[in-house]
């Protein structure tokens, strides 16, 4: 199968968001370690009743509260970045269909003309609409997209029946479709001559 990448540049943005999440996670971990160390120090200082130790303990407690506040703020930022990452994953799961259409255009040669291209999506699993709606609400957006099957419908004109048949073979040789089916073809007047009109279904 040709090395054709249908994933849009949104994947790059997703990687950048992953890097941000790892950075904020590391920062949160560092603050938690400092918080634990300060808590242990405070516990050790509590055994001494010396006035200077009491003052140090009060200062340490203030620092702990400050760290708690900063950790809380960092956790909120981390949650926000995770939400952005999930939204980016949904977008990145959608192929860049324009690249596919460019490849199909290259296979037209000089003997086939397309008049219509239509891409439709259906659920791979069967079931009534209510059951499917519940499944979608319970699953992640990426899982929902993975459960979709696409059908590309092509219609147009070929010079001859042989031209149409060869176009179907070229689509199959692209190895980008699960199946390529010539639904129908018939001779029809086209401009000042006759041509073969056709309808093809490609399942992805």
N, C-alpha and C. Protein backbone atom coordinates (compact mmCIF):
# COMPACT_ATOMS: atom_id res chain seq x y z
N UNK A 1 0.85 -1.20 0.00
CA UNK A 1 0.00 0.00 0.00
C UNK A 1 0.88 1.25 0.00
N UNK A 2 0.59 2.22 -0.84
CA UNK A 2 1.43 3.44 -0.91
C UNK A 2 1.47 4.16 0.41
N UNK A 3 2.60 4.82 0.64
CA UNK A 3 2.78 5.56 1.90
C UNK A 3 2.06 6.90 1.80
N UNK A 4 0.75 6.86 2.06
CA UNK A 4 -0.07 8.08 1.97
C UNK A 4 -0.57 8.43 3.35
N UNK A 5 -0.27 9.61 3.79
CA UNK A 5 -0.68 10.06 5.12
C UNK A 5 -1.90 10.95 5.01
N UNK A 6 -3.02 10.46 5.55
CA UNK A 6 -4.25 11.25 5.50
C UNK A 6 -4.49 12.02 6.77
N UNK A 7 -3.55 11.95 7.72
CA UNK A 7 -3.74 12.65 8.99
C UNK A 7 -3.29 14.10 8.84
N UNK A 8 -4.13 15.08 9.22
CA UNK A 8 -3.82 16.50 9.04
C UNK A 8 -2.78 16.99 10.02
N UNK A 9 -2.32 18.21 9.80
CA UNK A 9 -1.31 18.80 10.69
C UNK A 9 -1.77 18.94 12.12
N UNK A 10 -3.03 18.67 12.43
CA UNK A 10 -3.49 18.79 13.82
C UNK A 10 -2.72 17.87 14.75
N UNK A 11 -2.13 16.77 14.16
CA UNK A 11 -1.36 15.87 15.01
C UNK A 11 -0.16 16.58 15.62
N UNK A 12 0.43 17.51 14.89
CA UNK A 12 1.57 18.27 15.42
C UNK A 12 1.14 19.07 16.63
N UNK A 13 -0.02 19.70 16.53
CA UNK A 13 -0.53 20.47 17.68
C UNK A 13 -0.79 19.56 18.86
N UNK A 14 -1.27 18.35 18.60
CA UNK A 14 -1.51 17.42 19.69
C UNK A 14 -0.20 17.06 20.40
N UNK A 15 0.88 16.85 19.62
CA UNK A 15 2.17 16.55 20.23
C UNK A 15 2.65 17.70 21.10
N UNK A 16 2.42 18.92 20.62
CA UNK A 16 2.82 20.08 21.43
C UNK A 16 2.04 20.13 22.74
N UNK A 17 0.74 19.83 22.66
CA UNK A 17 -0.05 19.81 23.90
C UNK A 17 0.42 18.72 24.85
N UNK A 18 0.83 17.56 24.27
CA UNK A 18 1.38 16.48 25.12
C UNK A 18 2.63 16.95 25.85
N UNK A 19 3.47 17.70 25.14
CA UNK A 19 4.69 18.21 25.77
C UNK A 19 4.36 19.16 26.91
N UNK A 20 3.35 20.02 26.70
CA UNK A 20 2.95 20.94 27.77
C UNK A 20 2.42 20.19 28.98
N UNK A 21 1.65 19.14 28.73
CA UNK A 21 1.10 18.36 29.84
C UNK A 21 2.22 17.69 30.62
N UNK A 22 3.21 17.12 29.91
CA UNK A 22 4.33 16.50 30.62
C UNK A 22 5.10 17.53 31.44
N UNK A 23 5.25 18.75 30.89
CA UNK A 23 5.96 19.80 31.61
C UNK A 23 5.22 20.17 32.88
N UNK A 24 3.91 20.41 32.79
CA UNK A 24 3.15 20.79 33.98
C UNK A 24 3.07 19.64 34.99
N UNK A 25 3.05 18.41 34.50
CA UNK A 25 3.04 17.26 35.41
C UNK A 25 4.35 17.22 36.20
N UNK A 26 5.47 17.47 35.51
CA UNK A 26 6.76 17.47 36.20
C UNK A 26 6.82 18.59 37.24
N UNK A 27 6.27 19.76 36.90
CA UNK A 27 6.27 20.87 37.85
C UNK A 27 5.44 20.54 39.07
N UNK A 28 4.25 19.96 38.85
CA UNK A 28 3.39 19.58 39.97
C UNK A 28 4.10 18.55 40.86
N UNK A 29 4.78 17.58 40.22
CA UNK A 29 5.50 16.57 41.01
C UNK A 29 6.59 17.20 41.85
N UNK A 30 7.29 18.17 41.28
CA UNK A 30 8.35 18.85 42.04
C UNK A 30 7.79 19.58 43.25
N UNK A 31 6.69 20.28 43.06
CA UNK A 31 6.08 20.99 44.18
C UNK A 31 5.58 20.03 45.25
N UNK A 32 5.06 18.90 44.84
CA UNK A 32 4.59 17.93 45.84
C UNK A 32 5.74 17.36 46.65
N UNK A 33 6.89 17.15 45.97
CA UNK A 33 8.06 16.66 46.70
C UNK A 33 8.53 17.71 47.71
N UNK A 34 8.59 18.96 47.28
CA UNK A 34 8.97 20.03 48.20
C UNK A 34 8.00 20.14 49.36
N UNK A 35 6.73 19.97 49.07
CA UNK A 35 5.71 20.05 50.11
C UNK A 35 5.90 18.95 51.14
N UNK A 36 6.20 17.75 50.66
CA UNK A 36 6.44 16.63 51.59
C UNK A 36 7.67 16.88 52.46
N UNK A 37 8.74 17.37 51.82
CA UNK A 37 9.97 17.64 52.58
C UNK A 37 9.74 18.71 53.64
N UNK A 38 9.01 19.75 53.30
CA UNK A 38 8.73 20.79 54.27
C UNK A 38 7.85 20.30 55.41
N UNK A 39 6.91 19.42 55.08
CA UNK A 39 6.04 18.87 56.13
C UNK A 39 6.84 18.03 57.11
N UNK A 40 7.78 17.23 56.58
CA UNK A 40 8.64 16.43 57.47
C UNK A 40 9.53 17.32 58.34
N UNK A 41 10.04 18.40 57.72
CA UNK A 41 10.87 19.32 58.50
C UNK A 41 10.05 19.97 59.61
N UNK A 42 8.83 20.34 59.29
CA UNK A 42 7.97 20.96 60.30
C UNK A 42 7.68 20.00 61.45
N UNK A 43 7.49 18.71 61.10
CA UNK A 43 7.23 17.73 62.15
C UNK A 43 8.44 17.57 63.07
N UNK A 44 9.64 17.63 62.48
CA UNK A 44 10.85 17.49 63.30
C UNK A 44 11.05 18.72 64.19
N UNK A 45 10.77 19.88 63.64
CA UNK A 45 10.96 21.11 64.42
C UNK A 45 9.93 21.22 65.55
N UNK A 46 8.79 20.57 65.37
CA UNK A 46 7.74 20.68 66.38
C UNK A 46 8.17 20.09 67.72
N UNK A 47 9.17 19.23 67.73
CA UNK A 47 9.62 18.61 68.99
C UNK A 47 10.41 19.58 69.87
N UNK A 48 10.86 20.62 69.28
CA UNK A 48 11.67 21.58 70.03
C UNK A 48 10.81 22.77 70.39
N UNK A 49 10.84 23.18 71.64
CA UNK A 49 10.00 24.28 72.13
C UNK A 49 10.72 25.62 72.13
N UNK A 50 11.90 25.63 71.54
CA UNK A 50 12.67 26.87 71.50
C UNK A 50 11.91 27.91 70.68
N UNK A 51 11.96 29.17 71.09
CA UNK A 51 11.24 30.24 70.41
C UNK A 51 11.65 30.37 68.94
N UNK A 52 12.93 30.22 68.66
CA UNK A 52 13.39 30.36 67.28
C UNK A 52 12.83 29.25 66.40
N UNK A 53 12.71 28.06 67.00
CA UNK A 53 12.16 26.94 66.25
C UNK A 53 10.68 27.17 65.97
N UNK A 54 9.96 27.74 66.94
CA UNK A 54 8.53 28.03 66.77
C UNK A 54 8.33 29.04 65.64
N UNK A 55 9.20 30.05 65.61
CA UNK A 55 9.11 31.04 64.54
C UNK A 55 9.41 30.40 63.18
N UNK A 56 10.41 29.52 63.17
CA UNK A 56 10.75 28.83 61.92
C UNK A 56 9.59 27.94 61.47
N UNK A 57 8.94 27.31 62.44
CA UNK A 57 7.81 26.45 62.13
C UNK A 57 6.66 27.26 61.52
N UNK A 58 6.41 28.44 62.09
CA UNK A 58 5.35 29.30 61.56
C UNK A 58 5.68 29.73 60.13
N UNK A 59 6.95 30.07 59.91
CA UNK A 59 7.37 30.47 58.57
C UNK A 59 7.22 29.31 57.58
N UNK A 60 7.59 28.10 58.06
CA UNK A 60 7.47 26.91 57.21
C UNK A 60 6.02 26.63 56.85
N UNK A 61 5.14 26.81 57.82
CA UNK A 61 3.71 26.59 57.57
C UNK A 61 3.18 27.58 56.52
N UNK A 62 3.66 28.80 56.59
CA UNK A 62 3.24 29.78 55.59
C UNK A 62 3.71 29.37 54.19
N UNK A 63 4.94 28.87 54.13
CA UNK A 63 5.46 28.43 52.85
C UNK A 63 4.66 27.23 52.33
N UNK A 64 4.29 26.33 53.23
CA UNK A 64 3.50 25.17 52.83
C UNK A 64 2.17 25.61 52.23
N UNK A 65 1.53 26.57 52.90
CA UNK A 65 0.25 27.06 52.38
C UNK A 65 0.42 27.70 51.00
N UNK A 66 1.55 28.41 50.85
CA UNK A 66 1.81 29.02 49.56
C UNK A 66 2.02 27.97 48.47
N UNK A 67 2.77 26.90 48.81
CA UNK A 67 2.97 25.82 47.86
C UNK A 67 1.65 25.13 47.51
N UNK A 68 0.79 24.96 48.51
CA UNK A 68 -0.51 24.32 48.25
C UNK A 68 -1.31 25.13 47.24
N UNK A 69 -1.27 26.46 47.41
CA UNK A 69 -2.01 27.31 46.49
C UNK A 69 -1.46 27.20 45.07
N UNK A 70 -0.13 27.19 44.96
CA UNK A 70 0.49 27.11 43.63
C UNK A 70 0.22 25.75 42.99
N UNK A 71 0.27 24.67 43.79
CA UNK A 71 -0.04 23.35 43.26
C UNK A 71 -1.47 23.29 42.76
N UNK A 72 -2.39 23.91 43.51
CA UNK A 72 -3.79 23.93 43.10
C UNK A 72 -3.95 24.65 41.76
N UNK A 73 -3.23 25.78 41.61
CA UNK A 73 -3.29 26.52 40.34
C UNK A 73 -2.73 25.69 39.19
N UNK A 74 -1.62 24.99 39.46
CA UNK A 74 -1.01 24.17 38.42
C UNK A 74 -1.92 23.01 38.01
N UNK A 75 -2.62 22.44 38.99
CA UNK A 75 -3.54 21.35 38.68
C UNK A 75 -4.69 21.83 37.79
N UNK A 76 -5.15 23.06 38.02
CA UNK A 76 -6.21 23.61 37.18
C UNK A 76 -5.70 23.80 35.75
N UNK A 77 -4.45 24.30 35.61
CA UNK A 77 -3.89 24.47 34.28
C UNK A 77 -3.71 23.13 33.59
N UNK A 78 -3.30 22.11 34.37
CA UNK A 78 -3.12 20.78 33.80
C UNK A 78 -4.44 20.22 33.30
N UNK A 79 -5.51 20.43 34.08
CA UNK A 79 -6.84 19.96 33.65
C UNK A 79 -7.27 20.65 32.37
N UNK A 80 -6.97 21.95 32.26
CA UNK A 80 -7.32 22.69 31.05
C UNK A 80 -6.56 22.16 29.84
N UNK A 81 -5.26 21.85 30.02
CA UNK A 81 -4.46 21.32 28.92
C UNK A 81 -4.95 19.94 28.50
N UNK A 82 -5.40 19.13 29.46
CA UNK A 82 -5.93 17.81 29.12
C UNK A 82 -7.19 17.94 28.29
N UNK A 83 -8.04 18.91 28.64
CA UNK A 83 -9.26 19.14 27.86
C UNK A 83 -8.92 19.54 26.43
N UNK A 84 -7.90 20.41 26.27
CA UNK A 84 -7.47 20.82 24.94
C UNK A 84 -6.92 19.62 24.16
N UNK A 85 -6.19 18.74 24.86
CA UNK A 85 -5.62 17.56 24.21
C UNK A 85 -6.72 16.64 23.70
N UNK A 86 -7.75 16.41 24.51
CA UNK A 86 -8.85 15.55 24.09
C UNK A 86 -9.56 16.13 22.87
N UNK A 87 -9.75 17.46 22.87
CA UNK A 87 -10.38 18.10 21.71
C UNK A 87 -9.50 17.95 20.47
N UNK A 88 -8.18 18.09 20.65
CA UNK A 88 -7.26 17.93 19.53
C UNK A 88 -7.24 16.51 18.99
N UNK A 89 -7.41 15.50 19.88
CA UNK A 89 -7.43 14.12 19.45
C UNK A 89 -8.63 13.84 18.57
N UNK A 90 -9.77 14.45 18.91
CA UNK A 90 -10.97 14.26 18.09
C UNK A 90 -10.72 14.80 16.69
N UNK A 91 -10.10 15.98 16.60
CA UNK A 91 -9.84 16.58 15.30
C UNK A 91 -8.82 15.77 14.51
N UNK A 92 -7.76 15.31 15.20
CA UNK A 92 -6.70 14.60 14.51
C UNK A 92 -7.14 13.23 14.01
N UNK A 93 -8.24 12.70 14.58
CA UNK A 93 -8.75 11.40 14.13
C UNK A 93 -9.47 11.50 12.80
N UNK A 94 -9.75 12.69 12.36
CA UNK A 94 -10.47 12.87 11.10
C UNK A 94 -9.46 13.02 9.96
N UNK A 95 -9.48 12.11 8.99
CA UNK A 95 -8.51 12.18 7.89
C UNK A 95 -8.67 13.45 7.06
N UNK A 96 -7.60 13.81 6.38
CA UNK A 96 -7.61 14.94 5.46
C UNK A 96 -8.05 14.41 4.09
N UNK A 97 -9.37 14.47 3.84
CA UNK A 97 -9.92 13.86 2.63
C UNK A 97 -9.45 14.57 1.36
N UNK A 98 -9.02 15.81 1.46
CA UNK A 98 -8.59 16.51 0.25
C UNK A 98 -7.41 15.80 -0.41
N UNK A 99 -6.55 15.17 0.38
CA UNK A 99 -5.42 14.45 -0.18
C UNK A 99 -5.90 13.24 -0.97
N UNK A 100 -6.95 12.58 -0.46
CA UNK A 100 -7.49 11.44 -1.18
C UNK A 100 -8.07 11.87 -2.52
N UNK A 101 -8.78 13.00 -2.54
CA UNK A 101 -9.38 13.46 -3.78
C UNK A 101 -8.30 13.83 -4.81
N UNK A 102 -7.18 14.34 -4.34
CA UNK A 102 -6.08 14.66 -5.25
C UNK A 102 -5.55 13.39 -5.90
N UNK A 103 -5.41 12.32 -5.10
CA UNK A 103 -4.92 11.06 -5.64
C UNK A 103 -5.89 10.46 -6.65
N UNK A 104 -7.19 10.57 -6.35
CA UNK A 104 -8.19 10.07 -7.30
C UNK A 104 -8.13 10.87 -8.60
N UNK A 105 -7.94 12.19 -8.49
CA UNK A 105 -7.83 13.01 -9.68
C UNK A 105 -6.67 12.58 -10.58
N UNK A 106 -5.57 12.11 -9.94
CA UNK A 106 -4.43 11.66 -10.73
C UNK A 106 -4.75 10.39 -11.53
N UNK A 107 -5.76 9.63 -11.07
CA UNK A 107 -6.11 8.38 -11.74
C UNK A 107 -7.12 8.57 -12.86
N UNK A 108 -7.64 9.77 -13.06
CA UNK A 108 -8.64 10.00 -14.10
C UNK A 108 -8.06 9.87 -15.50
N UNK A 109 -6.80 10.22 -15.65
CA UNK A 109 -6.14 10.23 -16.95
C UNK A 109 -6.91 11.17 -17.89
N UNK A 110 -6.98 10.81 -19.19
CA UNK A 110 -7.65 11.66 -20.17
C UNK A 110 -8.94 11.05 -20.71
N UNK A 111 -9.36 9.92 -20.14
CA UNK A 111 -10.53 9.24 -20.70
C UNK A 111 -11.70 9.16 -19.73
N UNK A 112 -11.57 9.79 -18.55
CA UNK A 112 -12.65 9.76 -17.56
C UNK A 112 -12.83 11.16 -16.98
N UNK A 113 -14.09 11.56 -16.83
CA UNK A 113 -14.42 12.86 -16.23
C UNK A 113 -15.42 12.62 -15.10
N UNK A 114 -15.14 13.20 -13.92
CA UNK A 114 -16.06 13.08 -12.79
C UNK A 114 -17.03 14.26 -12.79
N UNK A 115 -18.28 13.98 -12.48
CA UNK A 115 -19.26 15.05 -12.34
C UNK A 115 -19.76 15.20 -10.91
N UNK A 116 -19.50 14.18 -10.08
CA UNK A 116 -19.96 14.26 -8.69
C UNK A 116 -19.13 13.35 -7.80
N UNK A 117 -18.78 13.84 -6.62
CA UNK A 117 -18.10 13.06 -5.58
C UNK A 117 -18.84 13.30 -4.27
N UNK A 118 -19.23 12.23 -3.61
CA UNK A 118 -19.97 12.37 -2.36
C UNK A 118 -19.43 11.38 -1.34
N UNK A 119 -19.08 11.89 -0.15
CA UNK A 119 -18.55 11.06 0.93
C UNK A 119 -19.59 10.98 2.03
N UNK A 120 -19.99 9.76 2.39
CA UNK A 120 -20.98 9.56 3.46
C UNK A 120 -20.39 8.65 4.52
N UNK A 121 -20.88 8.80 5.76
CA UNK A 121 -20.39 8.00 6.88
C UNK A 121 -21.56 7.22 7.48
N UNK A 122 -21.27 5.99 7.87
CA UNK A 122 -22.27 5.14 8.52
C UNK A 122 -21.62 4.44 9.70
N UNK A 123 -22.44 3.90 10.61
CA UNK A 123 -21.93 3.14 11.74
C UNK A 123 -21.63 1.72 11.30
N UNK A 124 -20.48 1.20 11.72
CA UNK A 124 -20.14 -0.18 11.39
C UNK A 124 -21.08 -1.16 12.07
N UNK A 125 -21.47 -0.84 13.32
CA UNK A 125 -22.36 -1.73 14.06
C UNK A 125 -23.80 -1.32 13.80
N UNK A 126 -24.69 -2.30 13.74
CA UNK A 126 -26.10 -2.02 13.52
C UNK A 126 -26.79 -1.79 14.84
N UNK A 127 -28.03 -1.30 14.80
CA UNK A 127 -28.80 -1.03 16.01
C UNK A 127 -29.69 0.15 15.80
N UNK A 128 -30.69 0.30 16.68
CA UNK A 128 -31.60 1.43 16.49
C UNK A 128 -30.94 2.72 16.93
N UNK A 129 -31.55 3.83 16.56
CA UNK A 129 -30.95 5.15 16.80
C UNK A 129 -30.78 5.44 18.28
N UNK A 130 -31.74 5.02 19.11
CA UNK A 130 -31.66 5.29 20.55
C UNK A 130 -30.47 4.58 21.18
N UNK A 131 -30.28 3.29 20.80
CA UNK A 131 -29.15 2.53 21.35
C UNK A 131 -27.84 3.14 20.92
N UNK A 132 -27.73 3.56 19.63
CA UNK A 132 -26.49 4.16 19.15
C UNK A 132 -26.21 5.48 19.85
N UNK A 133 -27.25 6.26 20.13
CA UNK A 133 -27.06 7.54 20.81
C UNK A 133 -26.50 7.31 22.21
N UNK A 134 -27.00 6.29 22.90
CA UNK A 134 -26.50 5.98 24.24
C UNK A 134 -25.04 5.53 24.19
N UNK A 135 -24.71 4.72 23.17
CA UNK A 135 -23.33 4.26 23.05
C UNK A 135 -22.38 5.42 22.81
N UNK A 136 -22.79 6.35 21.95
CA UNK A 136 -21.94 7.50 21.64
C UNK A 136 -21.72 8.36 22.87
N UNK A 137 -22.79 8.60 23.66
CA UNK A 137 -22.67 9.44 24.86
C UNK A 137 -21.79 8.79 25.90
N UNK A 138 -21.75 7.44 25.92
CA UNK A 138 -20.95 6.73 26.92
C UNK A 138 -19.50 6.54 26.48
N UNK A 139 -19.21 6.67 25.20
CA UNK A 139 -17.86 6.45 24.70
C UNK A 139 -17.17 7.78 24.44
N UNK A 140 -15.85 7.68 24.22
CA UNK A 140 -15.08 8.87 23.92
C UNK A 140 -15.29 9.27 22.47
N UNK A 141 -15.05 10.56 22.13
CA UNK A 141 -15.22 10.98 20.73
C UNK A 141 -14.34 10.22 19.77
N UNK A 142 -13.10 9.90 20.19
CA UNK A 142 -12.20 9.17 19.30
C UNK A 142 -12.71 7.76 19.03
N UNK A 143 -13.30 7.13 20.06
CA UNK A 143 -13.86 5.79 19.87
C UNK A 143 -15.04 5.84 18.92
N UNK A 144 -15.84 6.91 19.01
CA UNK A 144 -16.99 7.06 18.12
C UNK A 144 -16.53 7.19 16.67
N UNK A 145 -15.48 7.98 16.43
CA UNK A 145 -14.97 8.16 15.07
C UNK A 145 -14.39 6.86 14.53
N UNK A 146 -13.77 6.08 15.43
CA UNK A 146 -13.19 4.81 14.98
C UNK A 146 -14.26 3.82 14.56
N UNK A 147 -15.49 4.00 15.01
CA UNK A 147 -16.60 3.11 14.70
C UNK A 147 -17.35 3.55 13.45
N UNK A 148 -16.79 4.47 12.69
CA UNK A 148 -17.45 4.96 11.49
C UNK A 148 -16.86 4.31 10.24
N UNK A 149 -17.74 4.04 9.28
CA UNK A 149 -17.31 3.53 7.99
C UNK A 149 -17.72 4.53 6.93
N UNK A 150 -16.85 4.76 5.95
CA UNK A 150 -17.10 5.79 4.96
C UNK A 150 -17.30 5.17 3.57
N UNK A 151 -18.20 5.77 2.82
CA UNK A 151 -18.46 5.35 1.44
C UNK A 151 -18.27 6.55 0.53
N UNK A 152 -17.38 6.40 -0.46
CA UNK A 152 -17.13 7.45 -1.43
C UNK A 152 -17.87 7.09 -2.72
N UNK A 153 -18.82 7.93 -3.11
CA UNK A 153 -19.59 7.69 -4.33
C UNK A 153 -19.08 8.61 -5.44
N UNK A 154 -18.68 7.99 -6.55
CA UNK A 154 -18.16 8.72 -7.69
C UNK A 154 -19.07 8.50 -8.89
N UNK A 155 -19.37 9.56 -9.60
CA UNK A 155 -20.15 9.44 -10.83
C UNK A 155 -19.54 10.36 -11.87
N UNK A 156 -19.64 9.95 -13.15
CA UNK A 156 -19.05 10.76 -14.21
C UNK A 156 -19.22 10.10 -15.56
N UNK A 157 -18.32 10.45 -16.47
CA UNK A 157 -18.38 9.95 -17.85
C UNK A 157 -17.03 9.37 -18.24
N UNK A 158 -17.09 8.28 -19.03
CA UNK A 158 -15.89 7.70 -19.63
C UNK A 158 -16.06 7.63 -21.13
N UNK A 159 -14.95 7.62 -21.86
CA UNK A 159 -15.04 7.56 -23.32
C UNK A 159 -15.72 6.26 -23.78
N UNK A 160 -15.33 5.15 -23.12
CA UNK A 160 -15.87 3.84 -23.48
C UNK A 160 -16.07 3.02 -22.22
N UNK A 161 -16.71 1.85 -22.38
CA UNK A 161 -16.85 0.93 -21.26
C UNK A 161 -15.48 0.49 -20.76
N UNK A 162 -14.56 0.32 -21.69
CA UNK A 162 -13.20 -0.08 -21.31
C UNK A 162 -12.53 1.00 -20.46
N UNK A 163 -12.75 2.27 -20.79
CA UNK A 163 -12.17 3.36 -20.01
C UNK A 163 -12.68 3.34 -18.58
N UNK A 164 -13.99 3.08 -18.43
CA UNK A 164 -14.58 3.04 -17.09
C UNK A 164 -14.02 1.85 -16.32
N UNK A 165 -13.93 0.68 -16.97
CA UNK A 165 -13.40 -0.51 -16.31
C UNK A 165 -11.96 -0.30 -15.87
N UNK A 166 -11.15 0.34 -16.69
CA UNK A 166 -9.75 0.59 -16.34
C UNK A 166 -9.65 1.58 -15.18
N UNK A 167 -10.57 2.55 -15.13
CA UNK A 167 -10.59 3.49 -14.01
C UNK A 167 -10.89 2.78 -12.70
N UNK A 168 -11.84 1.84 -12.74
CA UNK A 168 -12.15 1.04 -11.55
C UNK A 168 -10.93 0.24 -11.11
N UNK A 169 -10.22 -0.34 -12.07
CA UNK A 169 -9.01 -1.11 -11.73
C UNK A 169 -7.94 -0.21 -11.12
N UNK A 170 -7.81 1.00 -11.63
CA UNK A 170 -6.81 1.93 -11.07
C UNK A 170 -7.17 2.30 -9.64
N UNK A 171 -8.45 2.46 -9.37
CA UNK A 171 -8.87 2.75 -7.99
C UNK A 171 -8.56 1.58 -7.06
N UNK A 172 -8.75 0.37 -7.53
CA UNK A 172 -8.44 -0.81 -6.72
C UNK A 172 -6.95 -0.91 -6.45
N UNK A 173 -6.13 -0.59 -7.46
CA UNK A 173 -4.68 -0.69 -7.30
C UNK A 173 -4.14 0.36 -6.33
N UNK A 174 -4.92 1.41 -6.04
CA UNK A 174 -4.49 2.39 -5.04
C UNK A 174 -4.39 1.76 -3.66
N UNK A 175 -5.14 0.65 -3.42
CA UNK A 175 -5.13 -0.08 -2.15
C UNK A 175 -5.49 0.81 -0.97
N UNK A 176 -6.37 1.76 -1.21
CA UNK A 176 -6.82 2.66 -0.14
C UNK A 176 -8.28 2.39 0.24
N UNK A 177 -8.92 1.46 -0.48
CA UNK A 177 -10.33 1.18 -0.23
C UNK A 177 -10.51 -0.28 0.14
N UNK A 178 -11.50 -0.53 1.01
CA UNK A 178 -11.84 -1.91 1.33
C UNK A 178 -12.47 -2.60 0.13
N UNK A 179 -13.22 -1.86 -0.65
CA UNK A 179 -13.82 -2.42 -1.86
C UNK A 179 -14.13 -1.29 -2.84
N UNK A 180 -14.09 -1.62 -4.13
CA UNK A 180 -14.45 -0.68 -5.20
C UNK A 180 -15.46 -1.40 -6.09
N UNK A 181 -16.65 -0.83 -6.21
CA UNK A 181 -17.73 -1.49 -6.95
C UNK A 181 -18.30 -0.56 -8.01
N UNK A 182 -18.38 -1.07 -9.24
CA UNK A 182 -19.04 -0.35 -10.32
C UNK A 182 -20.54 -0.64 -10.20
N UNK A 183 -21.28 0.33 -9.72
CA UNK A 183 -22.71 0.12 -9.46
C UNK A 183 -23.48 0.00 -10.76
N UNK A 184 -23.25 0.92 -11.69
CA UNK A 184 -23.91 0.83 -12.98
C UNK A 184 -23.15 1.67 -14.00
N UNK A 185 -23.39 1.37 -15.27
CA UNK A 185 -22.81 2.15 -16.37
C UNK A 185 -23.70 1.96 -17.60
N UNK A 186 -23.83 3.01 -18.38
CA UNK A 186 -24.64 2.93 -19.60
C UNK A 186 -24.22 4.05 -20.56
N UNK A 187 -24.50 3.83 -21.81
CA UNK A 187 -24.14 4.82 -22.81
C UNK A 187 -25.14 5.98 -22.76
N UNK A 188 -24.62 7.17 -22.98
CA UNK A 188 -25.47 8.37 -22.89
C UNK A 188 -24.82 9.47 -23.73
N UNK A 189 -25.66 10.33 -24.27
CA UNK A 189 -25.11 11.43 -25.06
C UNK A 189 -24.34 12.38 -24.15
N UNK A 190 -23.20 12.85 -24.64
CA UNK A 190 -22.34 13.74 -23.87
C UNK A 190 -21.76 14.76 -24.83
N UNK A 191 -22.15 16.02 -24.66
CA UNK A 191 -21.78 17.08 -25.59
C UNK A 191 -22.26 16.69 -27.00
N UNK A 192 -21.37 16.62 -27.98
CA UNK A 192 -21.77 16.28 -29.34
C UNK A 192 -21.54 14.81 -29.66
N UNK A 193 -21.10 14.04 -28.68
CA UNK A 193 -20.80 12.63 -28.90
C UNK A 193 -21.54 11.78 -27.88
N UNK A 194 -21.18 10.50 -27.86
CA UNK A 194 -21.71 9.58 -26.87
C UNK A 194 -20.60 9.20 -25.91
N UNK A 195 -20.98 8.96 -24.66
CA UNK A 195 -20.03 8.53 -23.65
C UNK A 195 -20.73 7.53 -22.74
N UNK A 196 -19.97 6.96 -21.83
CA UNK A 196 -20.51 5.99 -20.87
C UNK A 196 -20.59 6.66 -19.51
N UNK A 197 -21.81 6.80 -18.99
CA UNK A 197 -21.98 7.35 -17.66
C UNK A 197 -21.88 6.22 -16.63
N UNK A 198 -21.32 6.51 -15.49
CA UNK A 198 -21.09 5.45 -14.50
C UNK A 198 -21.29 5.97 -13.08
N UNK A 199 -21.50 5.00 -12.17
CA UNK A 199 -21.56 5.26 -10.73
C UNK A 199 -20.71 4.21 -10.02
N UNK A 200 -19.80 4.68 -9.18
CA UNK A 200 -18.86 3.79 -8.48
C UNK A 200 -18.97 4.05 -6.98
N UNK A 201 -18.94 2.98 -6.18
CA UNK A 201 -18.93 3.09 -4.73
C UNK A 201 -17.61 2.52 -4.20
N UNK A 202 -16.91 3.32 -3.41
CA UNK A 202 -15.65 2.91 -2.78
C UNK A 202 -15.84 2.94 -1.27
N UNK A 203 -15.67 1.80 -0.63
CA UNK A 203 -15.84 1.71 0.83
C UNK A 203 -14.49 1.81 1.51
N UNK A 204 -14.46 2.63 2.57
CA UNK A 204 -13.21 2.88 3.30
C UNK A 204 -13.37 2.36 4.72
